[in-house]
C-alpha cells in the first residue's frame, strides 16, 4: 500500500493527484454503499408520496453544514454536493416505486 501524504507533504502536482485519486476511490466505494441503502429505502416505501421528506432533508443539510464547518470545509459547497445527491436519490426512489407500482398493476 502506498503511503498517504498529507496535503502539506505533497511536493508535486502528481503527489496531489495521486492523493485525490485515492480519495475518489474511497468516496466511490462509500457512495456505492450509500446507494444500496437508498435502494432499500425505496423498496420499503409504499408510494411516491413518501419520497419527499422536507423535514428530513433540512435536518440532513443542517447536520452536514455543521460537520463541514468543523472540518474546515466550505459549508455552501457541502450543501450543494448533498442537495445534488439528495435530488438524484429522490428521482431514483420515485423511479423504483413507480416501476414497482406498474409491475403490480400488470
Protein backbone atom coordinates (compact mmCIF):
# COMPACT_ATOMS: atom_id res chain seq x y z
CA UNK A 1 0.00 0.00 0.00
CA UNK A 2 1.23 3.45 -0.88
CA UNK A 3 1.90 5.84 1.97
CA UNK A 4 -0.76 8.51 2.38
CA UNK A 5 0.61 12.02 2.06
CA UNK A 6 -0.89 14.97 3.83
CA UNK A 7 -1.53 17.99 1.58
CA UNK A 8 1.44 19.82 3.11
CA UNK A 9 3.68 16.83 2.29
CA UNK A 10 2.79 16.77 -1.42
CA UNK A 11 5.79 18.16 -3.26
CA UNK A 12 4.44 17.84 -6.80
CA UNK A 13 1.17 18.07 -8.70
CA UNK A 14 1.46 14.31 -9.26
CA UNK A 15 1.61 13.77 -5.50
CA UNK A 16 -1.59 15.79 -5.10
CA UNK A 17 -3.29 13.97 -7.99
CA UNK A 18 -2.39 10.59 -6.51
CA UNK A 19 -3.99 11.55 -3.19
CA UNK A 20 -7.09 12.92 -4.92
CA UNK A 21 -7.38 9.66 -6.90
CA UNK A 22 -7.08 7.67 -3.66
CA UNK A 23 -9.81 9.74 -2.05
CA UNK A 24 -12.03 9.47 -5.15
CA UNK A 25 -11.81 5.67 -4.96
CA UNK A 26 -12.76 5.73 -1.29
CA UNK A 27 -15.65 8.13 -1.97
CA UNK A 28 -16.96 5.96 -4.79
CA UNK A 29 -16.97 2.91 -2.52
CA UNK A 30 -18.89 4.90 0.11
CA UNK A 31 -21.34 6.24 -2.48
CA UNK A 32 -21.93 2.68 -3.70
CA UNK A 33 -22.62 1.59 -0.13
CA UNK A 34 -24.97 4.56 0.35
CA UNK A 35 -26.70 3.74 -2.93
CA UNK A 36 -27.54 0.24 -1.66
CA UNK A 37 -29.29 1.80 1.34
CA UNK A 38 -31.17 4.26 -0.86
CA UNK A 39 -32.33 1.34 -2.99
CA UNK A 40 -33.51 -0.48 0.12
CA UNK A 41 -35.32 2.64 1.32
CA UNK A 42 -37.19 2.81 -1.98
CA UNK A 43 -38.17 -0.84 -1.58
CA UNK A 44 -39.59 -0.10 1.88
CA UNK A 45 -41.64 2.92 0.83
CA UNK A 46 -45.22 2.18 -0.19
CA UNK A 47 -45.72 5.07 -2.64
CA UNK A 48 -44.01 8.06 -4.20
CA UNK A 49 -45.64 10.43 -1.70
CA UNK A 50 -43.22 9.06 0.91
CA UNK A 51 -40.14 10.05 -1.10
CA UNK A 52 -40.23 13.79 -0.45
CA UNK A 53 -39.34 14.44 3.19
CA UNK A 54 -38.59 18.16 3.57
CA UNK A 55 -38.02 17.90 7.33
CA UNK A 56 -35.53 15.08 6.87
CA UNK A 57 -33.72 16.99 4.10
CA UNK A 58 -33.48 20.11 6.27
CA UNK A 59 -32.14 18.00 9.15
CA UNK A 60 -29.51 16.35 6.94
CA UNK A 61 -28.39 19.62 5.37
CA UNK A 62 -28.14 21.35 8.74
CA UNK A 63 -26.09 18.49 10.21
CA UNK A 64 -23.79 18.34 7.19
CA UNK A 65 -23.22 22.10 7.15
CA UNK A 66 -22.15 21.86 10.79
CA UNK A 67 -19.85 18.96 10.03
CA UNK A 68 -18.36 20.86 7.09
CA UNK A 69 -17.65 23.82 9.35
CA UNK A 70 -15.97 21.52 11.88
CA UNK A 71 -13.85 20.02 9.07
CA UNK A 72 -12.87 23.47 7.75
CA UNK A 73 -14.78 22.86 4.51
CA UNK A 74 -16.91 25.44 2.78
CA UNK A 75 -20.41 24.62 4.11
CA UNK A 76 -22.05 26.05 0.96
CA UNK A 77 -20.04 23.62 -1.14
CA UNK A 78 -21.01 20.72 1.14
CA UNK A 79 -24.67 21.72 0.91
CA UNK A 80 -24.51 21.92 -2.88
CA UNK A 81 -22.98 18.43 -3.08
CA UNK A 82 -25.56 16.93 -0.73
CA UNK A 83 -28.56 18.67 -2.30
CA UNK A 84 -27.45 17.29 -5.67
CA UNK A 85 -27.11 13.83 -4.14
CA UNK A 86 -30.48 14.10 -2.40
CA UNK A 87 -32.21 15.31 -5.58
CA UNK A 88 -30.76 12.39 -7.51
CA UNK A 89 -31.83 9.96 -4.77
CA UNK A 90 -35.38 11.33 -4.76
CA UNK A 91 -35.66 10.79 -8.52
CA UNK A 92 -34.13 7.30 -8.19
CA UNK A 93 -36.52 6.28 -5.41
CA UNK A 94 -39.51 7.60 -7.37
CA UNK A 95 -38.44 5.54 -10.39
CA UNK A 96 -38.16 2.36 -8.32
CA UNK A 97 -41.52 2.90 -6.62
CA UNK A 98 -43.25 3.81 -9.90
CA UNK A 99 -41.80 0.77 -11.68
CA UNK A 100 -42.95 -1.48 -8.83
CA UNK A 101 -46.46 0.00 -8.94
CA UNK A 102 -46.66 -0.56 -12.70
CA UNK A 103 -45.46 -4.12 -12.29
CA UNK A 104 -48.04 -4.75 -9.58
CA UNK A 105 -50.78 -3.41 -11.87
CA UNK A 106 -49.79 -5.71 -14.72
